[in-house]
Amino acid sequence: MCFIQSPDPKMMQINLTGFLGGSKARLFIGELWKLLDSAQSSPDGMPIELVEKKMKQLQKAKVNP
């Protein structure tokens, strides 16, 4: 049995290319990698960008019910 020590973004992009197409797979992996890096740096493991986006959505919903 083989265990992967860390994800390989190049292989992930290659595997997604058939499903998403070349340019969309490249963009997806780029965005995913940024979020994974942000989540790893965050104390609670959540990407800061996603937390901020949700906070803005909640504030907007509170203003415009």
N, C-alpha and C. Protein backbone atom coordinates (compact mmCIF):
# COMPACT_ATOMS: atom_id res chain seq x y z
N MET A 1 0.85 -1.18 0.00
CA MET A 1 0.00 0.00 0.00
C MET A 1 0.89 1.23 0.00
N CYS A 2 0.53 2.20 -0.82
CA CYS A 2 1.32 3.43 -0.95
C CYS A 2 0.58 4.60 -0.31
N PHE A 3 1.27 5.32 0.56
CA PHE A 3 0.68 6.49 1.19
C PHE A 3 1.35 7.75 0.64
N ILE A 4 0.55 8.72 0.29
CA ILE A 4 1.07 9.98 -0.23
C ILE A 4 1.38 10.89 0.95
N GLN A 5 2.61 11.40 0.99
CA GLN A 5 3.02 12.27 2.09
C GLN A 5 2.40 13.66 1.97
N SER A 6 2.35 14.19 0.76
CA SER A 6 1.75 15.50 0.55
C SER A 6 1.12 15.53 -0.84
N PRO A 7 0.09 16.32 -1.03
CA PRO A 7 -0.55 16.38 -2.34
C PRO A 7 0.38 16.99 -3.39
N ASP A 8 0.31 16.49 -4.58
CA ASP A 8 1.12 16.99 -5.69
C ASP A 8 0.21 17.82 -6.60
N PRO A 9 0.35 19.15 -6.57
CA PRO A 9 -0.55 19.99 -7.35
C PRO A 9 -0.48 19.72 -8.85
N LYS A 10 0.68 19.35 -9.35
CA LYS A 10 0.82 19.06 -10.77
C LYS A 10 -0.02 17.83 -11.16
N MET A 11 0.06 16.79 -10.34
CA MET A 11 -0.72 15.57 -10.62
C MET A 11 -2.22 15.83 -10.44
N MET A 12 -2.56 16.66 -9.46
CA MET A 12 -3.96 17.00 -9.27
C MET A 12 -4.50 17.73 -10.49
N GLN A 13 -3.71 18.67 -11.02
CA GLN A 13 -4.13 19.42 -12.21
C GLN A 13 -4.26 18.50 -13.40
N ILE A 14 -3.32 17.59 -13.57
CA ILE A 14 -3.38 16.63 -14.69
C ILE A 14 -4.64 15.78 -14.58
N ASN A 15 -4.94 15.31 -13.38
CA ASN A 15 -6.12 14.46 -13.19
C ASN A 15 -7.42 15.22 -13.40
N LEU A 16 -7.44 16.51 -13.11
CA LEU A 16 -8.64 17.32 -13.28
C LEU A 16 -8.82 17.85 -14.70
N THR A 17 -7.77 17.84 -15.48
CA THR A 17 -7.82 18.41 -16.83
C THR A 17 -8.89 17.74 -17.69
N GLY A 18 -9.02 16.43 -17.62
CA GLY A 18 -10.04 15.74 -18.41
C GLY A 18 -11.44 16.12 -17.99
N PHE A 19 -11.63 16.47 -16.76
CA PHE A 19 -12.94 16.81 -16.22
C PHE A 19 -13.28 18.29 -16.44
N LEU A 20 -12.31 19.17 -16.16
CA LEU A 20 -12.55 20.62 -16.22
C LEU A 20 -12.03 21.28 -17.49
N GLY A 21 -11.10 20.65 -18.14
CA GLY A 21 -10.40 21.30 -19.26
C GLY A 21 -9.12 21.93 -18.74
N GLY A 22 -8.17 22.17 -19.62
CA GLY A 22 -6.84 22.63 -19.21
C GLY A 22 -6.82 23.94 -18.46
N SER A 23 -7.43 24.99 -19.02
CA SER A 23 -7.33 26.30 -18.38
C SER A 23 -8.14 26.36 -17.08
N LYS A 24 -9.29 25.72 -17.06
CA LYS A 24 -10.10 25.74 -15.83
C LYS A 24 -9.45 24.92 -14.73
N ALA A 25 -8.82 23.80 -15.08
CA ALA A 25 -8.12 22.99 -14.08
C ALA A 25 -6.97 23.79 -13.47
N ARG A 26 -6.24 24.53 -14.32
CA ARG A 26 -5.13 25.34 -13.83
C ARG A 26 -5.63 26.42 -12.86
N LEU A 27 -6.72 27.09 -13.22
CA LEU A 27 -7.28 28.13 -12.35
C LEU A 27 -7.79 27.53 -11.04
N PHE A 28 -8.47 26.38 -11.14
CA PHE A 28 -9.02 25.74 -9.95
C PHE A 28 -7.91 25.36 -8.97
N ILE A 29 -6.86 24.73 -9.48
CA ILE A 29 -5.75 24.31 -8.61
C ILE A 29 -5.08 25.54 -8.00
N GLY A 30 -4.93 26.61 -8.77
CA GLY A 30 -4.34 27.84 -8.23
C GLY A 30 -5.15 28.40 -7.07
N GLU A 31 -6.46 28.47 -7.25
CA GLU A 31 -7.33 28.97 -6.17
C GLU A 31 -7.35 28.02 -4.98
N LEU A 32 -7.41 26.72 -5.27
CA LEU A 32 -7.41 25.72 -4.19
C LEU A 32 -6.15 25.81 -3.36
N TRP A 33 -5.01 25.95 -4.03
CA TRP A 33 -3.73 25.99 -3.32
C TRP A 33 -3.65 27.20 -2.41
N LYS A 34 -4.17 28.35 -2.87
CA LYS A 34 -4.18 29.56 -2.04
C LYS A 34 -5.04 29.34 -0.79
N LEU A 35 -6.20 28.70 -0.97
CA LEU A 35 -7.08 28.44 0.17
C LEU A 35 -6.47 27.44 1.14
N LEU A 36 -5.81 26.41 0.61
CA LEU A 36 -5.16 25.43 1.47
C LEU A 36 -4.03 26.06 2.27
N ASP A 37 -3.28 26.94 1.63
CA ASP A 37 -2.20 27.64 2.33
C ASP A 37 -2.77 28.54 3.42
N SER A 38 -3.84 29.25 3.10
CA SER A 38 -4.47 30.13 4.07
C SER A 38 -5.02 29.33 5.26
N ALA A 39 -5.64 28.20 4.96
CA ALA A 39 -6.20 27.36 6.03
C ALA A 39 -5.09 26.81 6.92
N GLN A 40 -3.97 26.46 6.34
CA GLN A 40 -2.87 25.93 7.12
C GLN A 40 -2.27 26.99 8.04
N SER A 41 -2.31 28.24 7.61
CA SER A 41 -1.76 29.34 8.41
C SER A 41 -2.73 29.83 9.47
N SER A 42 -4.01 29.51 9.31
CA SER A 42 -5.04 30.00 10.23
C SER A 42 -5.08 29.13 11.49
N PRO A 43 -5.29 29.74 12.66
CA PRO A 43 -5.33 28.97 13.90
C PRO A 43 -6.49 27.98 13.97
N ASP A 44 -7.61 28.29 13.31
CA ASP A 44 -8.75 27.38 13.37
C ASP A 44 -8.86 26.47 12.16
N GLY A 45 -7.92 26.59 11.22
CA GLY A 45 -7.90 25.72 10.05
C GLY A 45 -8.86 26.12 8.95
N MET A 46 -9.48 27.29 9.07
CA MET A 46 -10.40 27.79 8.05
C MET A 46 -9.68 28.86 7.24
N PRO A 47 -9.82 28.82 5.90
CA PRO A 47 -9.21 29.89 5.09
C PRO A 47 -9.79 31.24 5.47
N ILE A 48 -8.92 32.20 5.73
CA ILE A 48 -9.35 33.53 6.16
C ILE A 48 -10.26 34.18 5.12
N GLU A 49 -9.96 33.95 3.83
CA GLU A 49 -10.78 34.53 2.76
C GLU A 49 -12.22 34.05 2.84
N LEU A 50 -12.42 32.77 3.13
CA LEU A 50 -13.78 32.23 3.21
C LEU A 50 -14.52 32.75 4.44
N VAL A 51 -13.81 32.92 5.54
CA VAL A 51 -14.42 33.45 6.76
C VAL A 51 -14.85 34.90 6.52
N GLU A 52 -13.98 35.69 5.90
CA GLU A 52 -14.32 37.09 5.63
C GLU A 52 -15.49 37.19 4.66
N LYS A 53 -15.51 36.35 3.65
CA LYS A 53 -16.61 36.35 2.68
C LYS A 53 -17.93 36.02 3.36
N LYS A 54 -17.93 35.05 4.25
CA LYS A 54 -19.15 34.67 4.97
C LYS A 54 -19.60 35.79 5.90
N MET A 55 -18.64 36.46 6.55
CA MET A 55 -18.98 37.58 7.44
C MET A 55 -19.66 38.69 6.65
N LYS A 56 -19.16 38.99 5.44
CA LYS A 56 -19.77 40.02 4.61
C LYS A 56 -21.18 39.62 4.19
N GLN A 57 -21.37 38.34 3.87
CA GLN A 57 -22.70 37.85 3.49
C GLN A 57 -23.68 38.00 4.65
N LEU A 58 -23.24 37.67 5.85
CA LEU A 58 -24.10 37.78 7.02
C LEU A 58 -24.45 39.23 7.33
N GLN A 59 -23.46 40.13 7.21
CA GLN A 59 -23.73 41.54 7.43
C GLN A 59 -24.70 42.09 6.39
N LYS A 60 -24.53 41.68 5.14
CA LYS A 60 -25.42 42.12 4.08
C LYS A 60 -26.84 41.61 4.31
N ALA A 61 -26.98 40.37 4.75
CA ALA A 61 -28.29 39.80 5.03
C ALA A 61 -28.96 40.50 6.19
N LYS A 62 -28.16 40.94 7.17
CA LYS A 62 -28.71 41.64 8.33
C LYS A 62 -29.24 43.02 7.92
N VAL A 63 -28.54 43.68 6.99
CA VAL A 63 -28.95 45.02 6.52
C VAL A 63 -30.15 44.91 5.61
N ASN A 64 -30.17 43.93 4.72
CA ASN A 64 -31.25 43.74 3.75
C ASN A 64 -31.98 42.42 4.00
N PRO A 65 -32.87 42.39 4.98
CA PRO A 65 -33.54 41.11 5.30
C PRO A 65 -34.51 40.65 4.24
